[in-house]
PDB file of N, CA and C in Angstrom:
ATOM      1  N   GLN A   1       0.843  -1.191   0.000  1.00  0.00           N
ATOM      2  CA  GLN A   1       0.000   0.000   0.000  1.00  0.00           C
ATOM      3  C   GLN A   1       0.880   1.243   0.000  1.00  0.00           C
ATOM      4  N   VAL A   2       0.496   2.218  -0.813  1.00  0.00           N
ATOM      5  CA  VAL A   2       1.241   3.464  -0.919  1.00  0.00           C
ATOM      6  C   VAL A   2       0.347   4.597  -0.458  1.00  0.00           C
ATOM      7  N   GLN A   3       0.855   5.408   0.435  1.00  0.00           N
ATOM      8  CA  GLN A   3       0.132   6.608   0.852  1.00  0.00           C
ATOM      9  C   GLN A   3       0.855   7.832   0.317  1.00  0.00           C
ATOM     10  N   LEU A   4       0.088   8.747  -0.270  1.00  0.00           N
ATOM     11  CA  LEU A   4       0.635   9.953  -0.867  1.00  0.00           C
ATOM     12  C   LEU A   4       0.017  11.170  -0.185  1.00  0.00           C
ATOM     13  N   VAL A   5       0.847  12.110   0.187  1.00  0.00           N
ATOM     14  CA  VAL A   5       0.370  13.316   0.857  1.00  0.00           C
ATOM     15  C   VAL A   5       0.938  14.536   0.148  1.00  0.00           C
ATOM     16  N   GLU A   6       0.037  15.327  -0.451  1.00  0.00           N
ATOM     17  CA  GLU A   6       0.440  16.543  -1.148  1.00  0.00           C
ATOM     18  C   GLU A   6       0.490  17.729  -0.194  1.00  0.00           C
ATOM     19  N   SER A   7       1.312  18.694  -0.545  1.00  0.00           N
ATOM     20  CA  SER A   7       1.381  19.955   0.191  1.00  0.00           C
ATOM     21  C   SER A   7       1.895  21.030  -0.743  1.00  0.00           C
ATOM     22  N   GLY A   8       1.757  22.281  -0.296  1.00  0.00           N
ATOM     23  CA  GLY A   8       2.311  23.387  -1.066  1.00  0.00           C
ATOM     24  C   GLY A   8       1.308  24.207  -1.838  1.00  0.00           C
ATOM     25  N   GLY A   9       0.049  23.795  -1.832  1.00  0.00           N
ATOM     26  CA  GLY A   9      -0.960  24.579  -2.516  1.00  0.00           C
ATOM     27  C   GLY A   9      -1.255  25.878  -1.793  1.00  0.00           C
ATOM     28  N   GLY A  10      -2.034  26.732  -2.454  1.00  0.00           N
ATOM     29  CA  GLY A  10      -2.392  27.991  -1.837  1.00  0.00           C
ATOM     30  C   GLY A  10      -2.948  28.967  -2.836  1.00  0.00           C
ATOM     31  N   LEU A  11      -3.022  30.229  -2.415  1.00  0.00           N
ATOM     32  CA  LEU A  11      -3.532  31.315  -3.243  1.00  0.00           C
ATOM     33  C   LEU A  11      -2.352  32.133  -3.752  1.00  0.00           C
ATOM     34  N   VAL A  12      -2.327  32.354  -5.059  1.00  0.00           N
ATOM     35  CA  VAL A  12      -1.234  33.126  -5.662  1.00  0.00           C
ATOM     36  C   VAL A  12      -1.810  34.005  -6.766  1.00  0.00           C
ATOM     37  N   GLN A  13      -1.164  35.120  -7.002  1.00  0.00           N
ATOM     38  CA  GLN A  13      -1.599  36.006  -8.078  1.00  0.00           C
ATOM     39  C   GLN A  13      -1.105  35.483  -9.425  1.00  0.00           C
ATOM     40  N   ALA A  14      -1.813  35.840 -10.471  1.00  0.00           N
ATOM     41  CA  ALA A  14      -1.395  35.462 -11.819  1.00  0.00           C
ATOM     42  C   ALA A  14       0.036  35.938 -12.068  1.00  0.00           C
ATOM     43  N   GLY A  15       0.824  35.057 -12.681  1.00  0.00           N
ATOM     44  CA  GLY A  15       2.227  35.344 -12.915  1.00  0.00           C
ATOM     45  C   GLY A  15       3.149  34.840 -11.821  1.00  0.00           C
ATOM     46  N   GLY A  16       2.565  34.429 -10.715  1.00  0.00           N
ATOM     47  CA  GLY A  16       3.354  33.948  -9.596  1.00  0.00           C
ATOM     48  C   GLY A  16       3.741  32.486  -9.731  1.00  0.00           C
ATOM     49  N   SER A  17       4.364  31.975  -8.676  1.00  0.00           N
ATOM     50  CA  SER A  17       4.868  30.596  -8.676  1.00  0.00           C
ATOM     51  C   SER A  17       4.448  29.867  -7.403  1.00  0.00           C
ATOM     52  N   LEU A  18       4.357  28.565  -7.526  1.00  0.00           N
ATOM     53  CA  LEU A  18       4.128  27.679  -6.387  1.00  0.00           C
ATOM     54  C   LEU A  18       4.918  26.396  -6.621  1.00  0.00           C
ATOM     55  N   ARG A  19       5.321  25.763  -5.530  1.00  0.00           N
ATOM     56  CA  ARG A  19       5.983  24.468  -5.614  1.00  0.00           C
ATOM     57  C   ARG A  19       5.195  23.461  -4.800  1.00  0.00           C
ATOM     58  N   LEU A  20       4.633  22.485  -5.477  1.00  0.00           N
ATOM     59  CA  LEU A  20       3.895  21.430  -4.807  1.00  0.00           C
ATOM     60  C   LEU A  20       4.844  20.281  -4.476  1.00  0.00           C
ATOM     61  N   SER A  21       4.566  19.641  -3.352  1.00  0.00           N
ATOM     62  CA  SER A  21       5.332  18.468  -2.944  1.00  0.00           C
ATOM     63  C   SER A  21       4.371  17.311  -2.691  1.00  0.00           C
ATOM     64  N   CYS A  22       4.870  16.110  -2.892  1.00  0.00           N
ATOM     65  CA  CYS A  22       4.091  14.906  -2.610  1.00  0.00           C
ATOM     66  C   CYS A  22       5.016  13.905  -1.940  1.00  0.00           C
ATOM     67  N   ALA A  23       4.718  13.601  -0.689  1.00  0.00           N
ATOM     68  CA  ALA A  23       5.517  12.645   0.065  1.00  0.00           C
ATOM     69  C   ALA A  23       4.863  11.273   0.015  1.00  0.00           C
ATOM     70  N   ALA A  24       5.656  10.271  -0.312  1.00  0.00           N
ATOM     71  CA  ALA A  24       5.141   8.903  -0.440  1.00  0.00           C
ATOM     72  C   ALA A  24       5.646   8.034   0.701  1.00  0.00           C
ATOM     73  N   SER A  25       4.739   7.285   1.287  1.00  0.00           N
ATOM     74  CA  SER A  25       5.132   6.348   2.350  1.00  0.00           C
ATOM     75  C   SER A  25       5.212   4.953   1.747  1.00  0.00           C
ATOM     76  N   VAL A  26       6.353   4.647   1.171  1.00  0.00           N
ATOM     77  CA  VAL A  26       6.588   3.346   0.557  1.00  0.00           C
ATOM     78  C   VAL A  26       8.083   3.119   0.511  1.00  0.00           C
ATOM     79  N   ARG A  27       8.496   1.865   0.748  1.00  0.00           N
ATOM     80  CA  ARG A  27       9.938   1.583   0.773  1.00  0.00           C
ATOM     81  C   ARG A  27      10.545   1.584  -0.623  1.00  0.00           C
ATOM     82  N   THR A  28       9.727   1.244  -1.622  1.00  0.00           N
ATOM     83  CA  THR A  28      10.246   1.079  -2.974  1.00  0.00           C
ATOM     84  C   THR A  28       9.826   2.236  -3.874  1.00  0.00           C
ATOM     85  N   PHE A  29       9.972   3.440  -3.389  1.00  0.00           N
ATOM     86  CA  PHE A  29       9.514   4.629  -4.118  1.00  0.00           C
ATOM     87  C   PHE A  29      10.107   4.694  -5.514  1.00  0.00           C
ATOM     88  N   SER A  30      11.353   4.291  -5.665  1.00  0.00           N
ATOM     89  CA  SER A  30      12.032   4.400  -6.957  1.00  0.00           C
ATOM     90  C   SER A  30      11.495   3.424  -7.993  1.00  0.00           C
ATOM     91  N   THR A  31      10.566   2.552  -7.632  1.00  0.00           N
ATOM     92  CA  THR A  31       9.955   1.656  -8.612  1.00  0.00           C
ATOM     93  C   THR A  31       8.631   2.207  -9.144  1.00  0.00           C
ATOM     94  N   TYR A  32       8.284   3.411  -8.735  1.00  0.00           N
ATOM     95  CA  TYR A  32       7.011   4.010  -9.136  1.00  0.00           C
ATOM     96  C   TYR A  32       7.212   5.178 -10.091  1.00  0.00           C
ATOM     97  N   THR A  33       6.473   5.153 -11.177  1.00  0.00           N
ATOM     98  CA  THR A  33       6.290   6.351 -11.988  1.00  0.00           C
ATOM     99  C   THR A  33       5.340   7.261 -11.221  1.00  0.00           C
ATOM    100  N   MET A  34       5.699   8.522 -11.156  1.00  0.00           N
ATOM    101  CA  MET A  34       4.897   9.493 -10.410  1.00  0.00           C
ATOM    102  C   MET A  34       4.319  10.538 -11.361  1.00  0.00           C
ATOM    103  N   ALA A  35       3.161  11.038 -11.011  1.00  0.00           N
ATOM    104  CA  ALA A  35       2.505  12.016 -11.883  1.00  0.00           C
ATOM    105  C   ALA A  35       1.711  13.014 -11.055  1.00  0.00           C
ATOM    106  N   TRP A  36       1.396  14.107 -11.716  1.00  0.00           N
ATOM    107  CA  TRP A  36       0.489  15.107 -11.170  1.00  0.00           C
ATOM    108  C   TRP A  36      -0.709  15.227 -12.112  1.00  0.00           C
ATOM    109  N   PHE A  37      -1.884  15.276 -11.526  1.00  0.00           N
ATOM    110  CA  PHE A  37      -3.124  15.548 -12.223  1.00  0.00           C
ATOM    111  C   PHE A  37      -3.761  16.760 -11.559  1.00  0.00           C
ATOM    112  N   ARG A  38      -4.741  17.335 -12.233  1.00  0.00           N
ATOM    113  CA  ARG A  38      -5.485  18.429 -11.616  1.00  0.00           C
ATOM    114  C   ARG A  38      -6.949  18.365 -12.024  1.00  0.00           C
ATOM    115  N   GLN A  39      -7.780  18.898 -11.145  1.00  0.00           N
ATOM    116  CA  GLN A  39      -9.216  18.913 -11.395  1.00  0.00           C
ATOM    117  C   GLN A  39      -9.751  20.317 -11.134  1.00  0.00           C
ATOM    118  N   PRO A  40      -9.986  21.083 -12.208  1.00  0.00           N
ATOM    119  CA  PRO A  40     -10.571  22.412 -12.046  1.00  0.00           C
ATOM    120  C   PRO A  40     -12.022  22.303 -11.577  1.00  0.00           C
ATOM    121  N   PRO A  41     -12.563  23.367 -11.050  1.00  0.00           N
ATOM    122  CA  PRO A  41     -13.954  23.335 -10.579  1.00  0.00           C
ATOM    123  C   PRO A  41     -14.910  22.931 -11.695  1.00  0.00           C
ATOM    124  N   GLY A  42     -15.742  21.931 -11.424  1.00  0.00           N
ATOM    125  CA  GLY A  42     -16.739  21.511 -12.385  1.00  0.00           C
ATOM    126  C   GLY A  42     -16.219  20.732 -13.573  1.00  0.00           C
ATOM    127  N   GLN A  43     -14.947  20.355 -13.552  1.00  0.00           N
ATOM    128  CA  GLN A  43     -14.365  19.641 -14.683  1.00  0.00           C
ATOM    129  C   GLN A  43     -13.800  18.291 -14.245  1.00  0.00           C
ATOM    130  N   ASP A  44     -13.448  17.466 -15.224  1.00  0.00           N
ATOM    131  CA  ASP A  44     -12.837  16.175 -14.930  1.00  0.00           C
ATOM    132  C   ASP A  44     -11.368  16.345 -14.546  1.00  0.00           C
ATOM    133  N   ARG A  45     -10.858  15.307 -13.906  1.00  0.00           N
ATOM    134  CA  ARG A  45      -9.449  15.293 -13.541  1.00  0.00           C
ATOM    135  C   ARG A  45      -8.603  15.091 -14.796  1.00  0.00           C
ATOM    136  N   GLY A  46      -7.567  15.913 -14.964  1.00  0.00           N
ATOM    137  CA  GLY A  46      -6.740  15.842 -16.158  1.00  0.00           C
ATOM    138  C   GLY A  46      -5.258  15.748 -15.842  1.00  0.00           C
ATOM    139  N   PHE A  47      -4.523  15.147 -16.769  1.00  0.00           N
ATOM    140  CA  PHE A  47      -3.093  14.922 -16.620  1.00  0.00           C
ATOM    141  C   PHE A  47      -2.313  16.237 -16.706  1.00  0.00           C
ATOM    142  N   VAL A  48      -1.281  16.354 -15.885  1.00  0.00           N
ATOM    143  CA  VAL A  48      -0.411  17.531 -15.913  1.00  0.00           C
ATOM    144  C   VAL A  48       1.018  17.140 -16.312  1.00  0.00           C
ATOM    145  N   ALA A  49       1.603  16.194 -15.571  1.00  0.00           N
ATOM    146  CA  ALA A  49       3.001  15.819 -15.833  1.00  0.00           C
ATOM    147  C   ALA A  49       3.303  14.486 -15.180  1.00  0.00           C
ATOM    148  N   ALA A  50       4.314  13.788 -15.723  1.00  0.00           N
ATOM    149  CA  ALA A  50       4.750  12.517 -15.157  1.00  0.00           C
ATOM    150  C   ALA A  50       6.262  12.423 -15.208  1.00  0.00           C
ATOM    151  N   ILE A  51       6.812  11.596 -14.316  1.00  0.00           N
ATOM    152  CA  ILE A  51       8.256  11.408 -14.250  1.00  0.00           C
ATOM    153  C   ILE A  51       8.546   9.933 -13.998  1.00  0.00           C
ATOM    154  N   ASN A  52       9.589   9.427 -14.653  1.00  0.00           N
ATOM    155  CA  ASN A  52       9.871   8.000 -14.515  1.00  0.00           C
ATOM    156  C   ASN A  52      10.619   7.715 -13.212  1.00  0.00           C
ATOM    157  N   TRP A  53      10.939   6.459 -12.985  1.00  0.00           N
ATOM    158  CA  TRP A  53      11.483   6.015 -11.705  1.00  0.00           C
ATOM    159  C   TRP A  53      12.771   6.718 -11.322  1.00  0.00           C
ATOM    160  N   SER A  54      13.615   7.048 -12.312  1.00  0.00           N
ATOM    161  CA  SER A  54      14.911   7.645 -12.004  1.00  0.00           C
ATOM    162  C   SER A  54      14.898   9.164 -12.045  1.00  0.00           C
ATOM    163  N   GLY A  55      13.851   9.718 -12.631  1.00  0.00           N
ATOM    164  CA  GLY A  55      13.820  11.157 -12.846  1.00  0.00           C
ATOM    165  C   GLY A  55      14.438  11.561 -14.169  1.00  0.00           C
ATOM    166  N   GLY A  56      14.894  10.593 -14.932  1.00  0.00           N
ATOM    167  CA  GLY A  56      15.567  10.892 -16.187  1.00  0.00           C
ATOM    168  C   GLY A  56      14.647  11.179 -17.349  1.00  0.00           C
ATOM    169  N   SER A  57      13.371  10.821 -17.199  1.00  0.00           N
ATOM    170  CA  SER A  57      12.403  11.071 -18.273  1.00  0.00           C
ATOM    171  C   SER A  57      11.168  11.727 -17.697  1.00  0.00           C
ATOM    172  N   THR A  58      10.667  12.705 -18.420  1.00  0.00           N
ATOM    173  CA  THR A  58       9.464  13.406 -18.000  1.00  0.00           C
ATOM    174  C   THR A  58       8.535  13.601 -19.195  1.00  0.00           C
ATOM    175  N   TYR A  59       7.275  13.855 -18.897  1.00  0.00           N
ATOM    176  CA  TYR A  59       6.272  14.070 -19.939  1.00  0.00           C
ATOM    177  C   TYR A  59       5.266  15.071 -19.400  1.00  0.00           C
ATOM    178  N   TYR A  60       4.876  16.026 -20.267  1.00  0.00           N
ATOM    179  CA  TYR A  60       4.004  17.110 -19.828  1.00  0.00           C
ATOM    180  C   TYR A  60       2.787  17.246 -20.740  1.00  0.00           C
ATOM    181  N   ALA A  61       1.692  17.647 -20.140  1.00  0.00           N
ATOM    182  CA  ALA A  61       0.548  18.089 -20.930  1.00  0.00           C
ATOM    183  C   ALA A  61       0.928  19.399 -21.616  1.00  0.00           C
ATOM    184  N   ASP A  62       0.291  19.674 -22.739  1.00  0.00           N
ATOM    185  CA  ASP A  62       0.607  20.900 -23.474  1.00  0.00           C
ATOM    186  C   ASP A  62       0.446  22.139 -22.597  1.00  0.00           C
ATOM    187  N   SER A  63      -0.557  22.109 -21.725  1.00  0.00           N
ATOM    188  CA  SER A  63      -0.836  23.266 -20.871  1.00  0.00           C
ATOM    189  C   SER A  63       0.270  23.522 -19.856  1.00  0.00           C
ATOM    190  N   ALA A  64       1.101  22.508 -19.596  1.00  0.00           N
ATOM    191  CA  ALA A  64       2.155  22.623 -18.586  1.00  0.00           C
ATOM    192  C   ALA A  64       3.540  22.871 -19.185  1.00  0.00           C
ATOM    193  N   LYS A  65       3.710  22.575 -20.445  1.00  0.00           N
ATOM    194  CA  LYS A  65       5.023  22.696 -21.073  1.00  0.00           C
ATOM    195  C   LYS A  65       5.555  24.120 -20.991  1.00  0.00           C
ATOM    196  N   GLY A  66       6.816  24.248 -20.576  1.00  0.00           N
ATOM    197  CA  GLY A  66       7.461  25.545 -20.508  1.00  0.00           C
ATOM    198  C   GLY A  66       7.172  26.333 -19.246  1.00  0.00           C
ATOM    199  N   ARG A  67       6.167  25.911 -18.470  1.00  0.00           N
ATOM    200  CA  ARG A  67       5.829  26.631 -17.225  1.00  0.00           C
ATOM    201  C   ARG A  67       5.999  25.764 -15.987  1.00  0.00           C
ATOM    202  N   PHE A  68       5.721  24.482 -16.113  1.00  0.00           N
ATOM    203  CA  PHE A  68       5.776  23.552 -14.971  1.00  0.00           C
ATOM    204  C   PHE A  68       6.964  22.614 -15.121  1.00  0.00           C
ATOM    205  N   THR A  69       7.537  22.215 -13.994  1.00  0.00           N
ATOM    206  CA  THR A  69       8.624  21.238 -13.992  1.00  0.00           C
ATOM    207  C   THR A  69       8.371  20.199 -12.917  1.00  0.00           C
ATOM    208  N   ILE A  70       8.350  18.941 -13.332  1.00  0.00           N
ATOM    209  CA  ILE A  70       8.206  17.843 -12.383  1.00  0.00           C
ATOM    210  C   ILE A  70       9.587  17.289 -12.071  1.00  0.00           C
ATOM    211  N   SER A  71       9.818  16.956 -10.811  1.00  0.00           N
ATOM    212  CA  SER A  71      11.095  16.380 -10.404  1.00  0.00           C
ATOM    213  C   SER A  71      10.847  15.455  -9.217  1.00  0.00           C
ATOM    214  N   ARG A  72      11.866  14.674  -8.853  1.00  0.00           N
ATOM    215  CA  ARG A  72      11.706  13.764  -7.721  1.00  0.00           C
ATOM    216  C   ARG A  72      13.014  13.636  -6.967  1.00  0.00           C
ATOM    217  N   ASP A  73      12.882  13.302  -5.695  1.00  0.00           N
ATOM    218  CA  ASP A  73      14.025  13.045  -4.821  1.00  0.00           C
ATOM    219  C   ASP A  73      13.793  11.664  -4.226  1.00  0.00           C
ATOM    220  N   ASN A  74      14.387  10.645  -4.825  1.00  0.00           N
ATOM    221  CA  ASN A  74      14.105   9.273  -4.397  1.00  0.00           C
ATOM    222  C   ASN A  74      14.541   8.982  -2.963  1.00  0.00           C
ATOM    223  N   PRO A  75      15.706   9.441  -2.519  1.00  0.00           N
ATOM    224  CA  PRO A  75      16.069   9.169  -1.110  1.00  0.00           C
ATOM    225  C   PRO A  75      15.068   9.763  -0.112  1.00  0.00           C
ATOM    226  N   LYS A  76      14.352  10.824  -0.528  1.00  0.00           N
ATOM    227  CA  LYS A  76      13.374  11.453   0.365  1.00  0.00           C
ATOM    228  C   LYS A  76      11.938  11.058   0.018  1.00  0.00           C
ATOM    229  N   ASN A  77      11.761  10.129  -0.914  1.00  0.00           N
ATOM    230  CA  ASN A  77      10.425   9.646  -1.289  1.00  0.00           C
ATOM    231  C   ASN A  77       9.474  10.783  -1.625  1.00  0.00           C
ATOM    232  N   THR A  78       9.950  11.744  -2.390  1.00  0.00           N
ATOM    233  CA  THR A  78       9.160  12.939  -2.659  1.00  0.00           C
ATOM    234  C   THR A  78       9.210  13.292  -4.143  1.00  0.00           C
ATOM    235  N   VAL A  79       8.070  13.731  -4.652  1.00  0.00           N
ATOM    236  CA  VAL A  79       7.988  14.261  -6.008  1.00  0.00           C
ATOM    237  C   VAL A  79       7.485  15.697  -5.912  1.00  0.00           C
ATOM    238  N   PHE A  80       7.965  16.534  -6.826  1.00  0.00           N
ATOM    239  CA  PHE A  80       7.660  17.955  -6.794  1.00  0.00           C
ATOM    240  C   PHE A  80       7.024  18.404  -8.107  1.00  0.00           C
ATOM    241  N   LEU A  81       6.284  19.497  -8.024  1.00  0.00           N
ATOM    242  CA  LEU A  81       5.799  20.175  -9.220  1.00  0.00           C
ATOM    243  C   LEU A  81       6.043  21.665  -9.029  1.00  0.00           C
ATOM    244  N   GLN A  82       7.040  22.181  -9.747  1.00  0.00           N
ATOM    245  CA  GLN A  82       7.311  23.606  -9.731  1.00  0.00           C
ATOM    246  C   GLN A  82       6.455  24.263 -10.791  1.00  0.00           C
ATOM    247  N   MET A  83       5.630  25.213 -10.379  1.00  0.00           N
ATOM    248  CA  MET A  83       4.706  25.872 -11.290  1.00  0.00           C
ATOM    249  C   MET A  83       5.046  27.358 -11.349  1.00  0.00           C
ATOM    250  N   ASN A  84       5.405  27.816 -12.529  1.00  0.00           N
ATOM    251  CA  ASN A  84       5.749  29.216 -12.752  1.00  0.00           C
ATOM    252  C   ASN A  84       4.759  29.851 -13.719  1.00  0.00           C
ATOM    253  N   SER A  85       4.765  31.166 -13.758  1.00  0.00           N
ATOM    254  CA  SER A  85       3.884  31.915 -14.671  1.00  0.00           C
ATOM    255  C   SER A  85       2.447  31.414 -14.581  1.00  0.00           C
ATOM    256  N   LEU A  86       1.953  31.300 -13.379  1.00  0.00           N
ATOM    257  CA  LEU A  86       0.621  30.740 -13.170  1.00  0.00           C
ATOM    258  C   LEU A  86      -0.461  31.636 -13.740  1.00  0.00           C
ATOM    259  N   LYS A  87      -1.517  30.986 -14.224  1.00  0.00           N
ATOM    260  CA  LYS A  87      -2.646  31.667 -14.825  1.00  0.00           C
ATOM    261  C   LYS A  87      -3.911  31.311 -14.057  1.00  0.00           C
ATOM    262  N   PRO A  88      -4.933  32.149 -14.139  1.00  0.00           N
ATOM    263  CA  PRO A  88      -6.191  31.809 -13.446  1.00  0.00           C
ATOM    264  C   PRO A  88      -6.741  30.444 -13.866  1.00  0.00           C
ATOM    265  N   GLU A  89      -6.512  30.055 -15.105  1.00  0.00           N
ATOM    266  CA  GLU A  89      -7.018  28.749 -15.556  1.00  0.00           C
ATOM    267  C   GLU A  89      -6.241  27.573 -14.975  1.00  0.00           C
ATOM    268  N   ASP A  90      -5.179  27.838 -14.243  1.00  0.00           N
ATOM    269  CA  ASP A  90      -4.472  26.773 -13.526  1.00  0.00           C
ATOM    270  C   ASP A  90      -5.144  26.449 -12.188  1.00  0.00           C
ATOM    271  N   THR A  91      -6.143  27.233 -11.819  1.00  0.00           N
ATOM    272  CA  THR A  91      -6.864  26.984 -10.573  1.00  0.00           C
ATOM    273  C   THR A  91      -7.499  25.603 -10.596  1.00  0.00           C
ATOM    274  N   ALA A  92      -7.187  24.802  -9.589  1.00  0.00           N
ATOM    275  CA  ALA A  92      -7.652  23.416  -9.545  1.00  0.00           C
ATOM    276  C   ALA A  92      -7.192  22.768  -8.248  1.00  0.00           C
ATOM    277  N   VAL A  93      -7.753  21.600  -7.973  1.00  0.00           N
ATOM    278  CA  VAL A  93      -7.179  20.724  -6.956  1.00  0.00           C
ATOM    279  C   VAL A  93      -6.132  19.870  -7.665  1.00  0.00           C
ATOM    280  N   TYR A  94      -4.921  19.858  -7.143  1.00  0.00           N
ATOM    281  CA  TYR A  94      -3.820  19.115  -7.743  1.00  0.00           C
ATOM    282  C   TYR A  94      -3.596  17.826  -6.959  1.00  0.00           C
ATOM    283  N   TYR A  95      -3.518  16.727  -7.714  1.00  0.00           N
ATOM    284  CA  TYR A  95      -3.366  15.406  -7.121  1.00  0.00           C
ATOM    285  C   TYR A  95      -2.061  14.768  -7.557  1.00  0.00           C
ATOM    286  N   CYS A  96      -1.423  14.104  -6.628  1.00  0.00           N
ATOM    287  CA  CYS A  96      -0.252  13.288  -6.892  1.00  0.00           C
ATOM    288  C   CYS A  96      -0.728  11.845  -7.128  1.00  0.00           C
ATOM    289  N   ALA A  97      -0.069  11.143  -8.056  1.00  0.00           N
ATOM    290  CA  ALA A  97      -0.455   9.770  -8.365  1.00  0.00           C
ATOM    291  C   ALA A  97       0.782   8.910  -8.573  1.00  0.00           C
ATOM    292  N   ALA A  98       0.641   7.620  -8.290  1.00  0.00           N
ATOM    293  CA  ALA A  98       1.755   6.684  -8.414  1.00  0.00           C
ATOM    294  C   ALA A  98       1.321   5.446  -9.190  1.00  0.00           C
ATOM    295  N   SER A  99       2.221   4.973 -10.057  1.00  0.00           N
ATOM    296  CA  SER A  99       1.976   3.765 -10.834  1.00  0.00           C
ATOM    297  C   SER A  99       3.227   2.896 -10.782  1.00  0.00           C
ATOM    298  N   HIS A 100       3.073   1.655 -10.322  1.00  0.00           N
ATOM    299  CA  HIS A 100       4.228   0.772 -10.164  1.00  0.00           C
ATOM    300  C   HIS A 100       4.783   0.399 -11.538  1.00  0.00           C
ATOM    301  N   TRP A 101       5.982   0.840 -11.819  1.00  0.00           N
ATOM    302  CA  TRP A 101       6.652   0.616 -13.098  1.00  0.00           C
ATOM    303  C   TRP A 101       5.780   1.050 -14.288  1.00  0.00           C
ATOM    304  N   GLY A 102       5.006   2.079 -14.063  1.00  0.00           N
ATOM    305  CA  GLY A 102       4.127   2.553 -15.117  1.00  0.00           C
ATOM    306  C   GLY A 102       4.853   3.362 -16.184  1.00  0.00           C
ATOM    307  N   SER A 103       4.132   3.654 -17.252  1.00  0.00           N
ATOM    308  CA  SER A 103       4.670   4.459 -18.346  1.00  0.00           C
ATOM    309  C   SER A 103       4.447   5.940 -18.074  1.00  0.00           C
ATOM    310  N   ILE A 104       5.430   6.745 -18.419  1.00  0.00           N
ATOM    311  CA  ILE A 104       5.250   8.186 -18.220  1.00  0.00           C
ATOM    312  C   ILE A 104       4.269   8.756 -19.237  1.00  0.00           C
ATOM    313  N   TRP A 105       3.958   7.946 -20.284  1.00  0.00           N
ATOM    314  CA  TRP A 105       3.001   8.417 -21.284  1.00  0.00           C
ATOM    315  C   TRP A 105       1.559   8.041 -20.940  1.00  0.00           C
ATOM    316  N   ALA A 106       1.367   7.454 -19.776  1.00  0.00           N
ATOM    317  CA  ALA A 106       0.026   7.126 -19.318  1.00  0.00           C
ATOM    318  C   ALA A 106      -0.616   8.391 -18.771  1.00  0.00           C
ATOM    319  N   THR A 107      -1.647   8.878 -19.441  1.00  0.00           N
ATOM    320  CA  THR A 107      -2.242  10.160 -19.070  1.00  0.00           C
ATOM    321  C   THR A 107      -3.655  10.036 -18.508  1.00  0.00           C
ATOM    322  N   ARG A 108      -4.150   8.834 -18.389  1.00  0.00           N
ATOM    323  CA  ARG A 108      -5.481   8.640 -17.809  1.00  0.00           C
ATOM    324  C   ARG A 108      -5.337   8.389 -16.319  1.00  0.00           C
ATOM    325  N   TRP A 109      -6.251   8.945 -15.542  1.00  0.00           N
ATOM    326  CA  TRP A 109      -6.145   8.742 -14.103  1.00  0.00           C
ATOM    327  C   TRP A 109      -6.329   7.273 -13.748  1.00  0.00           C
ATOM    328  N   GLU A 110      -7.045   6.528 -14.617  1.00  0.00           N
ATOM    329  CA  GLU A 110      -7.252   5.094 -14.362  1.00  0.00           C
ATOM    330  C   GLU A 110      -5.952   4.285 -14.472  1.00  0.00           C
ATOM    331  N   ASP A 111      -4.931   4.866 -15.099  1.00  0.00           N
ATOM    332  CA  ASP A 111      -3.664   4.163 -15.260  1.00  0.00           C
ATOM    333  C   ASP A 111      -2.818   4.152 -13.990  1.00  0.00           C
ATOM    334  N   TYR A 112      -3.225   4.915 -13.001  1.00  0.00           N
ATOM    335  CA  TYR A 112      -2.436   5.040 -11.781  1.00  0.00           C
ATOM    336  C   TYR A 112      -3.088   4.278 -10.641  1.00  0.00           C
ATOM    337  N   ASP A 113      -2.228   3.762  -9.776  1.00  0.00           N
ATOM    338  CA  ASP A 113      -2.691   2.854  -8.725  1.00  0.00           C
ATOM    339  C   ASP A 113      -3.034   3.562  -7.419  1.00  0.00           C
ATOM    340  N   TYR A 114      -2.342   4.638  -7.137  1.00  0.00           N
ATOM    341  CA  TYR A 114      -2.503   5.304  -5.838  1.00  0.00           C
ATOM    342  C   TYR A 114      -2.626   6.811  -6.044  1.00  0.00           C
ATOM    343  N   TRP A 115      -3.389   7.444  -5.147  1.00  0.00           N
ATOM    344  CA  TRP A 115      -3.679   8.871  -5.235  1.00  0.00           C
ATOM    345  C   TRP A 115      -3.544   9.517  -3.876  1.00  0.00           C
ATOM    346  N   GLY A 116      -3.139  10.781  -3.907  1.00  0.00           N
ATOM    347  CA  GLY A 116      -3.185  11.584  -2.700  1.00  0.00           C
ATOM    348  C   GLY A 116      -4.553  12.213  -2.528  1.00  0.00           C
ATOM    349  N   GLN A 117      -4.685  13.001  -1.474  1.00  0.00           N
ATOM    350  CA  GLN A 117      -5.974  13.620  -1.161  1.00  0.00           C
ATOM    351  C   GLN A 117      -6.181  14.934  -1.902  1.00  0.00           C
ATOM    352  N   GLY A 118      -5.109  15.450  -2.504  1.00  0.00           N
ATOM    353  CA  GLY A 118      -5.205  16.681  -3.274  1.00  0.00           C
ATOM    354  C   GLY A 118      -4.843  17.910  -2.478  1.00  0.00           C
ATOM    355  N   THR A 119      -4.381  18.926  -3.205  1.00  0.00           N
ATOM    356  CA  THR A 119      -4.078  20.224  -2.604  1.00  0.00           C
ATOM    357  C   THR A 119      -4.615  21.311  -3.517  1.00  0.00           C
ATOM    358  N   GLN A 120      -5.273  22.301  -2.937  1.00  0.00           N
ATOM    359  CA  GLN A 120      -5.936  23.345  -3.716  1.00  0.00           C
ATOM    360  C   GLN A 120      -4.936  24.409  -4.165  1.00  0.00           C
ATOM    361  N   VAL A 121      -4.991  24.729  -5.441  1.00  0.00           N
ATOM    362  CA  VAL A 121      -4.224  25.848  -5.997  1.00  0.00           C
ATOM    363  C   VAL A 121      -5.219  26.834  -6.583  1.00  0.00           C
ATOM    364  N   THR A 122      -5.149  28.079  -6.130  1.00  0.00           N
ATOM    365  CA  THR A 122      -6.029  29.119  -6.627  1.00  0.00           C
ATOM    366  C   THR A 122      -5.182  30.267  -7.143  1.00  0.00           C
ATOM    367  N   VAL A 123      -5.410  30.622  -8.408  1.00  0.00           N
ATOM    368  CA  VAL A 123      -4.661  31.705  -9.037  1.00  0.00           C
ATOM    369  C   VAL A 123      -5.625  32.853  -9.299  1.00  0.00           C
ATOM    370  N   SER A 124      -5.364  33.982  -8.692  1.00  0.00           N
ATOM    371  CA  SER A 124      -6.230  35.142  -8.850  1.00  0.00           C
ATOM    372  C   SER A 124      -5.727  36.024  -9.995  1.00  0.00           C
ATOM    373  N   SER A 125      -6.669  36.669 -10.651  1.00  0.00           N
ATOM    374  CA  SER A 125      -6.297  37.530 -11.793  1.00  0.00           C
ATOM    375  C   SER A 125      -6.011  38.953 -11.343  1.00  0.00           C
TER     376      SER A 125
END
């Protein structure tokens, strides 16, 4: 069983930055592909970014390319999402997800095995 706990959300003005963190309680963290999804108000949960077991490969949704960076620290069992140049349309609950030896090109939430509880990000205009 993997438990994921997100943190770092909050209220920020458009153009600002936030860094989300996701701590995983699992001994074999480096065997999991990690990803971030988000769910805007009234919308479905959508893919944001994924990173492979070593951190050597990443994949981003078009909306995240050039503004967001996913990274991981395996010794600390943590994955991060650095979000820059935030826009009001980035407002959403952001979820961390884990897939055991999963593909970084898996963009459906059903492809992931474990989820965090989410952290709210609100970008004001």
